[in-house]
Amino acid sequence: MQLVSVITPVHAPSIEYLPVAYESLAGQEMPDGWDWQWLVQEDGQTGALVDVLPDDPRISLGSGRPGGPGVARTSALARVTGELVKVLDADDQLTPGALARDIAAFTAHPHIGWATSRVLDLMPDGSTLGWDKDPDGGIIGRGDVLAFWRANDYRAQVHPATLCLRRDLLFALGGWMALPASEDTGLLLAANAVSDGYLTREHGLLYRKWPGQVTSQAVHREPVGYHGRMKIIEARALALASMLPDGLPATTTA
């Protein structure tokens, strides 16, 4: 049986949403010969995950010293057994068929290293909102996300919360960046710096908007910290690209 390893970091405010995330995962119809495992990793060691989720053998709970979502995600890699690794935040939900579409993309395009999908924002009142600037579906060339991000005030045209990566690529990149935030953006740009990817036009994720989410906090956009993170993310991606024979230009804009 081939597996998709789904990694979910958890901190105290998001634990209440875990059962809904599980329902979205349990409802996935998988292609023949495929299943998923869910690696839920607490950012800390409080024991708060006990009895939160049902008794499903596909769920693996972990905990460790607090270090932020990037550290929690990377720590969960110790338990990965799937050949594909999928991101799922604790407060988000997969749409029906999301994992099957990821698998189909990797099967049809053996050269890609990563895949993403479109996203719908899930608002507090239950309504959803989309983004009208999504690129066309299909192959995304190496360096395209990085170029767009640099030219558009550090905004990528595909969403890092929908990432699915080949396990070997994820390990080669060292997992998620050890940053207090934006670690998923850092992984997306690093993956794009060295590998083609794929965008599925179908919406693959409901991205919850709520007051407790990390990206809604004022500190997330505090200028010194924010621009520092962007500079690190950009420098890493450019350095990775420059190591390839046809590497991208190694100048930075930060």
Protein backbone atom coordinates (compact mmCIF):
# COMPACT_ATOMS: atom_id res chain seq x y z
CA MET A 1 0.00 0.00 0.00
CA GLN A 2 1.38 3.40 -1.00
CA LEU A 3 0.88 6.21 1.47
CA VAL A 4 0.43 9.96 1.59
CA SER A 5 1.83 11.19 4.89
CA VAL A 6 -0.25 14.16 6.04
CA ILE A 7 1.53 16.41 8.55
CA THR A 8 -0.38 18.69 10.93
CA PRO A 9 1.29 20.91 13.55
CA VAL A 10 -0.90 21.84 16.50
CA HIS A 11 -0.78 24.58 19.12
CA ALA A 12 -3.32 25.11 21.89
CA PRO A 13 -5.71 27.55 20.15
CA SER A 14 -6.12 25.31 17.08
CA ILE A 15 -6.79 22.01 18.86
CA GLU A 16 -10.56 22.58 18.79
CA TYR A 17 -10.53 22.40 15.00
CA LEU A 18 -8.71 19.06 14.77
CA PRO A 19 -11.87 16.89 14.68
CA VAL A 20 -13.13 18.78 11.61
CA ALA A 21 -9.73 18.43 9.92
CA TYR A 22 -9.92 14.70 10.63
CA GLU A 23 -13.39 14.45 9.09
CA SER A 24 -12.08 16.07 5.90
CA LEU A 25 -9.23 13.57 5.81
CA ALA A 26 -11.33 10.52 6.66
CA GLY A 27 -13.71 11.44 3.84
CA GLN A 28 -11.03 11.30 1.15
CA GLU A 29 -11.65 8.65 -1.51
CA MET A 30 -8.22 7.25 -2.29
CA PRO A 31 -7.11 5.63 -5.56
CA ASP A 32 -6.62 1.86 -5.56
CA GLY A 33 -3.43 0.92 -3.77
CA TRP A 34 -3.22 4.18 -1.80
CA ASP A 35 -4.01 5.24 1.76
CA TRP A 36 -2.99 8.04 4.10
CA GLN A 37 -1.35 8.37 7.48
CA TRP A 38 -1.87 11.45 9.65
CA LEU A 39 1.06 12.72 11.67
CA VAL A 40 -0.30 15.18 14.23
CA GLN A 41 2.52 16.97 16.05
CA GLU A 42 1.95 19.15 19.10
CA ASP A 43 4.22 22.18 19.36
CA GLY A 44 4.98 21.42 23.00
CA GLN A 45 4.48 18.58 25.44
CA THR A 46 1.28 19.39 27.30
CA GLY A 47 -0.56 16.15 26.52
CA ALA A 48 -3.45 18.19 25.13
CA LEU A 49 -3.94 15.81 22.18
CA VAL A 50 -5.08 12.93 24.37
CA ASP A 51 -8.68 11.90 23.55
CA VAL A 52 -9.13 14.72 21.00
CA LEU A 53 -9.18 12.42 17.97
CA PRO A 54 -10.85 9.04 17.35
CA ASP A 55 -9.10 5.71 17.64
CA ASP A 56 -7.87 5.42 14.04
CA PRO A 57 -4.70 3.39 13.41
CA ARG A 58 -3.76 5.78 10.62
CA ILE A 59 -3.28 8.59 13.16
CA SER A 60 0.12 9.05 14.80
CA LEU A 61 0.40 11.60 17.61
CA GLY A 62 3.66 13.26 18.53
CA SER A 63 4.96 16.07 20.72
CA GLY A 64 8.22 17.81 21.43
CA ARG A 65 9.85 20.93 22.75
CA PRO A 66 8.01 24.06 21.57
CA GLY A 67 9.66 25.80 18.63
CA GLY A 68 6.88 26.96 16.35
CA PRO A 69 5.06 25.31 13.47
CA GLY A 70 8.17 24.78 11.33
CA VAL A 71 9.92 22.84 14.07
CA ALA A 72 6.78 20.82 14.79
CA ARG A 73 6.33 19.92 11.12
CA THR A 74 9.96 18.93 10.69
CA SER A 75 9.91 16.88 13.89
CA ALA A 76 6.99 14.90 12.50
CA LEU A 77 9.16 13.82 9.55
CA ALA A 78 10.73 11.20 11.85
CA ARG A 79 7.47 9.24 11.54
CA VAL A 80 6.89 9.65 7.80
CA THR A 81 6.49 6.42 5.84
CA GLY A 82 4.70 7.74 2.73
CA GLU A 83 6.36 8.57 -0.56
CA LEU A 84 4.31 11.78 -0.70
CA VAL A 85 4.03 14.30 2.15
CA LYS A 86 0.99 16.57 2.36
CA VAL A 87 0.53 19.74 4.40
CA LEU A 88 -2.68 20.18 6.42
CA ASP A 89 -2.92 22.85 9.11
CA ALA A 90 -4.99 21.98 12.17
CA ASP A 91 -7.61 24.63 11.46
CA ASP A 92 -8.04 23.85 7.75
CA GLN A 93 -10.04 21.25 5.82
CA LEU A 94 -9.30 19.23 2.70
CA THR A 95 -11.96 19.33 0.02
CA PRO A 96 -13.32 16.02 -1.35
CA GLY A 97 -10.85 14.41 -3.75
CA ALA A 98 -7.90 16.62 -2.78
CA LEU A 99 -5.47 13.77 -2.09
CA ALA A 100 -6.55 11.81 -5.17
CA ARG A 101 -5.86 14.86 -7.34
CA ASP A 102 -2.40 15.26 -5.82
CA ILE A 103 -1.62 11.61 -6.50
CA ALA A 104 -2.89 11.95 -10.07
CA ALA A 105 -0.59 14.93 -10.67
CA PHE A 106 2.50 13.05 -9.50
CA THR A 107 1.52 9.95 -11.46
CA ALA A 108 0.93 11.85 -14.69
CA HIS A 109 4.07 14.01 -14.32
CA PRO A 110 6.89 11.92 -12.83
CA HIS A 111 9.38 14.79 -13.10
CA ILE A 112 7.58 17.20 -10.73
CA GLY A 113 8.69 17.49 -7.13
CA TRP A 114 5.66 19.20 -5.64
CA ALA A 115 1.99 19.99 -6.22
CA THR A 116 -0.50 22.59 -5.01
CA SER A 117 -4.15 23.48 -5.56
CA ARG A 118 -6.43 26.46 -5.42
CA VAL A 119 -7.83 27.55 -2.05
CA LEU A 120 -11.10 28.87 -0.71
CA ASP A 121 -10.95 31.07 2.40
CA LEU A 122 -13.39 29.76 5.02
CA MET A 123 -14.83 32.77 6.81
CA PRO A 124 -16.11 32.80 10.42
CA ASP A 125 -19.73 32.88 9.20
CA GLY A 126 -19.20 29.72 7.14
CA SER A 127 -19.08 31.46 3.76
CA THR A 128 -16.16 30.97 1.39
CA LEU A 129 -14.16 33.40 -0.72
CA GLY A 130 -11.80 32.64 -3.59
CA TRP A 131 -8.92 34.54 -5.18
CA ASP A 132 -9.38 35.75 -8.76
CA LYS A 133 -5.68 35.73 -9.69
CA ASP A 134 -4.94 32.01 -9.59
CA PRO A 135 -2.69 30.92 -12.48
CA ASP A 136 -3.81 28.41 -15.06
CA GLY A 137 -3.67 24.84 -13.89
CA GLY A 138 -0.88 22.53 -14.96
CA ILE A 139 2.89 22.50 -14.78
CA ILE A 140 4.57 25.37 -12.93
CA GLY A 141 8.12 25.80 -14.15
CA ARG A 142 11.14 25.83 -11.89
CA GLY A 143 11.69 29.37 -10.65
CA ASP A 144 8.26 30.68 -11.68
CA VAL A 145 6.87 30.95 -8.13
CA LEU A 146 10.05 32.62 -6.91
CA ALA A 147 10.00 35.16 -9.74
CA PHE A 148 6.34 36.02 -9.11
CA TRP A 149 6.91 36.29 -5.36
CA ARG A 150 9.84 38.67 -5.80
CA ALA A 151 7.87 40.85 -8.22
CA ASN A 152 4.64 40.98 -6.18
CA ASP A 153 5.57 42.16 -2.70
CA TYR A 154 6.38 38.69 -1.38
CA ARG A 155 3.10 37.09 -2.38
CA ALA A 156 3.17 33.74 -4.15
CA GLN A 157 0.62 32.92 -6.83
CA VAL A 158 0.05 29.45 -5.35
CA HIS A 159 -0.79 28.67 -1.73
CA PRO A 160 1.81 26.96 0.51
CA ALA A 161 -0.92 25.53 2.77
CA THR A 162 -1.84 23.10 -0.04
CA LEU A 163 1.66 21.73 -0.66
CA CYS A 164 2.22 18.06 -1.39
CA LEU A 165 5.84 17.03 -1.97
CA ARG A 166 7.83 13.98 -2.84
CA ARG A 167 9.37 12.73 0.37
CA ASP A 168 12.91 12.63 -1.04
CA LEU A 169 12.72 16.27 -2.12
CA LEU A 170 11.37 17.34 1.27
CA PHE A 171 14.22 15.62 3.09
CA ALA A 172 16.79 17.00 0.64
CA LEU A 173 15.55 20.52 1.44
CA GLY A 174 15.83 19.88 5.18
CA GLY A 175 12.12 20.08 5.91
CA TRP A 176 10.57 23.35 6.97
CA MET A 177 12.63 26.43 7.77
CA ALA A 178 13.36 27.19 11.42
CA LEU A 179 11.43 30.46 11.32
CA PRO A 180 8.71 31.67 13.73
CA ALA A 181 6.33 32.03 10.75
CA SER A 182 6.31 31.82 6.93
CA GLU A 183 8.12 28.48 7.13
CA ASP A 184 5.66 26.99 4.64
CA THR A 185 6.34 29.80 2.16
CA GLY A 186 10.04 29.13 2.59
CA LEU A 187 9.54 25.48 1.73
CA LEU A 188 7.41 26.31 -1.32
CA LEU A 189 10.03 28.67 -2.74
CA ALA A 190 12.88 26.27 -2.01
CA ALA A 191 11.04 23.44 -3.75
CA ASN A 192 10.28 25.66 -6.74
CA ALA A 193 13.91 26.77 -6.93
CA VAL A 194 15.01 23.22 -7.72
CA SER A 195 11.98 21.49 -9.22
CA ASP A 196 8.96 21.94 -11.46
CA GLY A 197 5.61 21.72 -9.71
CA TYR A 198 1.93 21.41 -10.55
CA LEU A 199 -1.23 23.41 -9.79
CA THR A 200 -4.62 21.72 -9.73
CA ARG A 201 -7.37 24.15 -10.66
CA GLU A 202 -9.94 22.47 -8.42
CA HIS A 203 -10.07 23.94 -4.93
CA GLY A 204 -8.22 21.55 -2.64
CA LEU A 205 -8.43 23.33 0.70
CA LEU A 206 -10.73 25.37 2.90
CA TYR A 207 -8.36 27.85 4.56
CA ARG A 208 -9.94 28.95 7.81
CA LYS A 209 -9.92 32.65 8.66
CA TRP A 210 -10.30 33.21 12.41
CA PRO A 211 -8.88 35.56 15.06
CA GLY A 212 -6.56 32.97 16.60
CA GLN A 213 -4.65 32.00 13.45
CA VAL A 214 -0.96 32.91 13.42
CA THR A 215 -1.10 34.90 10.19
CA SER A 216 -3.85 37.17 11.56
CA GLN A 217 -1.72 38.41 14.45
CA ALA A 218 -0.17 41.88 14.23
CA VAL A 219 3.28 40.48 15.01
CA HIS A 220 3.14 38.43 11.80
CA ARG A 221 3.54 41.63 9.76
CA GLU A 222 5.80 43.53 12.13
CA PRO A 223 8.15 45.17 9.59
CA VAL A 224 11.57 44.20 10.95
CA GLY A 225 10.69 40.57 11.59
CA TYR A 226 8.64 40.19 8.42
CA HIS A 227 11.24 41.62 6.06
CA GLY A 228 13.94 39.64 7.82
CA ARG A 229 12.04 36.41 7.16
CA MET A 230 11.48 37.33 3.53
CA LYS A 231 15.18 38.05 3.07
CA ILE A 232 16.15 34.67 4.51
CA ILE A 233 13.55 32.83 2.42
CA GLU A 234 14.68 34.56 -0.77
CA ALA A 235 18.39 34.03 -0.13
CA ARG A 236 17.87 30.33 0.52
CA ALA A 237 15.84 29.81 -2.65
CA LEU A 238 18.33 31.69 -4.80
CA ALA A 239 21.26 29.82 -3.27
CA LEU A 240 19.60 26.48 -4.01
CA ALA A 241 18.85 27.51 -7.58
CA SER A 242 22.40 28.70 -8.16
CA MET A 243 23.74 25.23 -7.40
CA LEU A 244 22.02 23.78 -10.46
CA PRO A 245 23.76 23.90 -13.87
CA ASP A 246 21.18 26.34 -15.25
CA GLY A 247 20.59 28.12 -11.94
CA LEU A 248 18.58 31.29 -11.59
CA PRO A 249 20.29 34.67 -11.13
CA ALA A 250 21.79 34.85 -7.66
CA THR A 251 21.05 38.54 -6.98
CA THR A 252 18.57 39.43 -4.24
CA THR A 253 16.01 42.19 -3.96
CA ALA A 254 15.59 42.22 -0.18
